[in-house]
Amino acid sequence: MRDRNNEPAYTDIGGMICDAADELRDIWWSCKLPEEVKREIMKLTVSQQRMLRMVWRLTRNSSRGIMLRELADKFGLTSSAVSVMVESLVKIKCLERTVDPDDRRKVMIKISADGMKQCRIAEESFSEKIAEFVETYDADKLAAFKGVLTDFTKFLILKKGDC
């Protein structure tokens, strides 16, 4: 499939997805955050921000946290590489390392109270922006948009190991 300029359609779509991802990341970390939180977040690298979001997403409904090895698998990195990233976030009090109470050999990673506060504030602000967007769509257009996002996400999940 080609676009109006005879370019492959995926070229334009890929760029649009990357642009949207960049904007989403910027909104996620900057919406209505207190200045001191913004200053701390802006000190984080993109990888550290991604790590913090991933730990928050994977553990927000669990008090136990996630094992370092599981986190490394999610990122496709070695445990030692993830350990270095986690340690940098532990030092600035965004993440905590704990020992699994059921197996003291397991190191668990969870979001700290400070990190949780940052993520909750960002999530609330982000949700407000999404609500503003959704209000601009009629029901049919919104249903179609949700369908495309669902299909795209399923496709990405299926193709995750193909790179």
Protein backbone atom coordinates (compact mmCIF):
# COMPACT_ATOMS: atom_id res chain seq x y z
CA MET A 1 0.00 0.00 0.00
CA ARG A 2 1.27 3.43 -0.98
CA ASP A 3 0.32 6.98 0.01
CA ARG A 4 -0.36 9.99 -2.29
CA ASN A 5 3.37 10.58 -2.87
CA ASN A 6 3.87 6.93 -3.86
CA GLU A 7 5.74 6.31 -0.59
CA PRO A 8 5.07 3.09 1.33
CA ALA A 9 2.16 3.81 3.71
CA TYR A 10 4.07 2.38 6.66
CA THR A 11 6.70 5.13 6.39
CA ASP A 12 4.24 7.86 7.30
CA ILE A 13 2.43 5.75 9.90
CA GLY A 14 5.70 4.76 11.60
CA GLY A 15 6.74 8.39 11.92
CA MET A 16 3.30 9.35 13.23
CA ILE A 17 3.46 6.63 15.87
CA CYS A 18 6.95 7.75 16.98
CA ASP A 19 5.82 11.37 17.13
CA ALA A 20 2.75 10.43 19.17
CA ALA A 21 4.91 8.33 21.53
CA ASP A 22 7.27 11.27 22.07
CA GLU A 23 4.35 13.60 22.78
CA LEU A 24 2.75 11.08 25.14
CA ARG A 25 6.01 10.73 27.06
CA ASP A 26 6.35 14.50 27.33
CA ILE A 27 2.75 14.88 28.52
CA TRP A 28 3.09 11.98 30.95
CA TRP A 29 5.99 13.59 32.76
CA SER A 30 5.11 17.25 32.52
CA CYS A 31 1.37 17.73 33.04
CA LYS A 32 0.60 19.72 36.16
CA LEU A 33 3.50 18.27 38.11
CA PRO A 34 4.82 20.32 41.01
CA GLU A 35 8.03 22.14 40.05
CA GLU A 36 10.18 20.08 42.42
CA VAL A 37 8.82 16.86 40.86
CA LYS A 38 9.46 18.19 37.34
CA ARG A 39 13.05 19.05 38.24
CA GLU A 40 13.66 15.54 39.57
CA ILE A 41 12.01 13.84 36.60
CA MET A 42 13.87 15.95 34.07
CA LYS A 43 17.13 14.70 35.60
CA LEU A 44 16.16 11.17 34.58
CA THR A 45 17.34 9.72 31.30
CA VAL A 46 14.71 8.40 28.88
CA SER A 47 15.74 4.87 29.90
CA GLN A 48 15.30 5.70 33.58
CA GLN A 49 11.89 7.25 32.89
CA ARG A 50 10.90 4.14 30.96
CA MET A 51 12.14 1.92 33.81
CA LEU A 52 10.16 3.90 36.37
CA ARG A 53 6.99 3.75 34.25
CA MET A 54 7.47 0.02 33.65
CA VAL A 55 7.95 -0.79 37.34
CA TRP A 56 4.96 1.36 38.21
CA ARG A 57 2.78 -0.27 35.55
CA LEU A 58 3.80 -3.80 36.50
CA THR A 59 3.57 -3.38 40.26
CA ARG A 60 0.88 -0.78 40.97
CA ASN A 61 -1.56 -3.52 42.01
CA SER A 62 0.98 -5.52 44.00
CA SER A 63 2.85 -4.67 47.18
CA ARG A 64 5.50 -7.33 46.50
CA GLY A 65 7.19 -5.70 43.52
CA ILE A 66 8.84 -7.47 40.60
CA MET A 67 11.93 -9.62 40.53
CA LEU A 68 14.98 -8.06 38.93
CA ARG A 69 15.20 -10.98 36.50
CA GLU A 70 11.57 -10.45 35.38
CA LEU A 71 12.24 -6.77 34.85
CA ALA A 72 15.32 -7.60 32.79
CA ASP A 73 13.22 -9.95 30.65
CA LYS A 74 10.65 -7.19 30.05
CA PHE A 75 13.42 -4.88 28.82
CA GLY A 76 15.30 -7.58 26.93
CA LEU A 77 18.46 -6.77 28.87
CA THR A 78 20.75 -8.65 31.20
CA SER A 79 20.02 -8.62 34.91
CA SER A 80 23.27 -6.77 35.53
CA ALA A 81 22.37 -3.99 33.07
CA VAL A 82 18.94 -3.58 34.64
CA SER A 83 20.49 -3.71 38.10
CA VAL A 84 22.62 -0.67 37.25
CA MET A 85 19.54 1.23 36.03
CA VAL A 86 17.56 0.21 39.10
CA GLU A 87 20.39 1.24 41.40
CA SER A 88 20.45 4.72 39.90
CA LEU A 89 16.70 5.03 40.56
CA VAL A 90 17.10 3.66 44.09
CA LYS A 91 19.73 6.32 44.83
CA ILE A 92 17.32 9.11 43.95
CA LYS A 93 14.52 7.41 45.89
CA CYS A 94 12.25 6.55 42.92
CA LEU A 95 12.57 2.77 43.37
CA GLU A 96 13.24 0.44 46.29
CA ARG A 97 14.99 -2.91 46.46
CA THR A 98 13.47 -5.37 48.89
CA VAL A 99 13.90 -9.01 49.71
CA ASP A 100 11.05 -11.40 48.93
CA PRO A 101 9.67 -12.48 52.33
CA ASP A 102 9.01 -15.98 50.96
CA ASP A 103 12.48 -16.44 49.48
CA ARG A 104 15.24 -14.22 50.81
CA ARG A 105 17.41 -15.00 47.77
CA LYS A 106 15.05 -13.03 45.50
CA VAL A 107 15.55 -9.30 45.10
CA MET A 108 12.29 -7.50 44.47
CA ILE A 109 12.00 -4.07 42.87
CA LYS A 110 9.12 -1.79 43.65
CA ILE A 111 8.30 1.83 43.33
CA SER A 112 9.06 4.01 46.32
CA ALA A 113 6.57 6.35 47.96
CA ASP A 114 8.23 9.29 46.15
CA GLY A 115 8.15 7.45 42.83
CA MET A 116 4.52 6.47 43.40
CA LYS A 117 3.60 10.08 44.10
CA GLN A 118 5.27 11.20 40.87
CA CYS A 119 3.53 8.51 38.84
CA ARG A 120 0.09 9.14 40.36
CA ILE A 121 0.29 12.87 39.71
CA ALA A 122 1.46 12.24 36.15
CA GLU A 123 -1.27 9.61 35.61
CA GLU A 124 -4.00 11.98 36.78
CA SER A 125 -2.76 14.76 34.53
CA PHE A 126 -2.33 12.39 31.62
CA SER A 127 -5.86 11.07 32.09
CA GLU A 128 -7.19 14.63 31.95
CA LYS A 129 -5.46 15.14 28.58
CA ILE A 130 -6.87 11.87 27.23
CA ALA A 131 -10.35 12.88 28.41
CA GLU A 132 -10.01 16.19 26.55
CA PHE A 133 -9.05 14.27 23.41
CA VAL A 134 -11.89 11.76 23.74
CA GLU A 135 -14.44 14.57 24.13
CA THR A 136 -13.55 15.81 20.63
CA TYR A 137 -14.65 12.52 19.01
CA ASP A 138 -18.10 11.20 18.25
CA ALA A 139 -18.91 7.66 19.43
CA ASP A 140 -18.34 5.97 16.04
CA LYS A 141 -14.98 7.63 15.43
CA LEU A 142 -13.88 6.84 18.99
CA ALA A 143 -14.90 3.18 18.61
CA ALA A 144 -12.91 2.96 15.36
CA PHE A 145 -9.88 4.57 17.03
CA LYS A 146 -10.07 2.11 19.95
CA GLY A 147 -10.34 -0.75 17.47
CA VAL A 148 -7.21 0.34 15.61
CA LEU A 149 -5.27 0.75 18.88
CA THR A 150 -6.41 -2.68 20.06
CA ASP A 151 -5.43 -4.33 16.78
CA PHE A 152 -2.08 -2.54 16.71
CA THR A 153 -1.28 -3.53 20.30
CA LYS A 154 -2.18 -7.18 19.62
CA PHE A 155 0.01 -7.13 16.51
CA LEU A 156 2.95 -5.71 18.49
CA ILE A 157 2.54 -8.32 21.21
CA LEU A 158 2.53 -11.12 18.64
CA LYS A 159 5.62 -9.73 16.89
CA LYS A 160 7.56 -8.84 20.04
CA GLY A 161 10.27 -11.47 19.56
CA ASP A 162 10.65 -11.06 15.78
CA CYS A 163 13.17 -8.19 15.77
